[in-house]
């Protein structure tokens, strides 16, 4: 909702930039999608390594 309100303010102040942003937004989203997927994969990898190292402590019961 906040993004939409900011876009409306931009539309009132400078409508050509607001229209360009509206048109370019899907292309920017598609361009950034691989980086989001890579970040998700890296985060899952770090969580897996952390859980592998913490497994013996969890089995023993140390918190």
Protein backbone atom coordinates (compact mmCIF):
# COMPACT_ATOMS: atom_id res chain seq x y z
CA UNK A 1 0.00 0.00 0.00
CA UNK A 2 2.85 2.35 0.84
CA UNK A 3 4.46 1.67 -2.53
CA UNK A 4 1.25 2.59 -4.29
CA UNK A 5 0.96 5.85 -2.33
CA UNK A 6 4.55 6.74 -3.15
CA UNK A 7 3.84 6.03 -6.81
CA UNK A 8 0.79 8.31 -6.69
CA UNK A 9 2.89 11.10 -5.20
CA UNK A 10 5.47 10.59 -7.94
CA UNK A 11 2.66 10.60 -10.52
CA UNK A 12 1.41 13.95 -9.22
CA UNK A 13 4.89 15.49 -9.11
CA UNK A 14 6.30 14.12 -12.37
CA UNK A 15 4.00 11.89 -14.38
CA UNK A 16 6.46 10.86 -17.16
CA UNK A 17 8.86 9.32 -14.64
CA UNK A 18 5.95 7.58 -12.88
CA UNK A 19 4.72 6.06 -16.16
CA UNK A 20 8.26 4.96 -17.06
CA UNK A 21 8.64 3.36 -13.63
CA UNK A 22 5.33 1.56 -14.10
CA UNK A 23 6.44 0.18 -17.46
CA UNK A 24 10.00 -0.72 -16.39
CA UNK A 25 9.06 -2.39 -13.07
CA UNK A 26 8.32 -5.86 -14.54
CA UNK A 27 11.58 -5.86 -16.49
CA UNK A 28 13.61 -4.90 -13.42
CA UNK A 29 11.81 -7.59 -11.41
CA UNK A 30 12.70 -10.21 -14.04
CA UNK A 31 16.30 -9.00 -14.13
CA UNK A 32 16.65 -9.33 -10.34
CA UNK A 33 14.89 -12.70 -10.08
CA UNK A 34 18.05 -14.84 -10.56
CA UNK A 35 19.79 -12.94 -7.76
CA UNK A 36 16.86 -13.58 -5.43
CA UNK A 37 16.96 -17.28 -6.26
CA UNK A 38 20.72 -17.36 -5.71
CA UNK A 39 20.31 -15.64 -2.34
CA UNK A 40 17.66 -18.17 -1.35
CA UNK A 41 19.93 -21.08 -2.32
CA UNK A 42 22.91 -19.63 -0.43
CA UNK A 43 20.78 -19.05 2.66
CA UNK A 44 19.53 -22.64 2.57
CA UNK A 45 23.09 -23.92 2.16
CA UNK A 46 24.27 -21.97 5.20
CA UNK A 47 21.32 -23.22 7.23
CA UNK A 48 22.14 -26.80 6.24
CA UNK A 49 25.79 -26.45 7.27
CA UNK A 50 24.79 -24.79 10.56
CA UNK A 51 22.34 -27.57 11.36
CA UNK A 52 24.90 -30.26 10.51
CA UNK A 53 27.39 -28.70 12.94
CA UNK A 54 24.77 -28.20 15.67
CA UNK A 55 23.30 -31.71 15.39
CA UNK A 56 25.67 -33.33 17.97
CA UNK A 57 24.85 -30.59 20.51
CA UNK A 58 21.14 -31.09 19.96
CA UNK A 59 21.49 -34.84 20.43
CA UNK A 60 23.35 -34.36 23.70
CA UNK A 61 20.81 -31.77 24.83
CA UNK A 62 23.02 -28.70 25.17
CA UNK A 63 21.13 -25.51 24.41
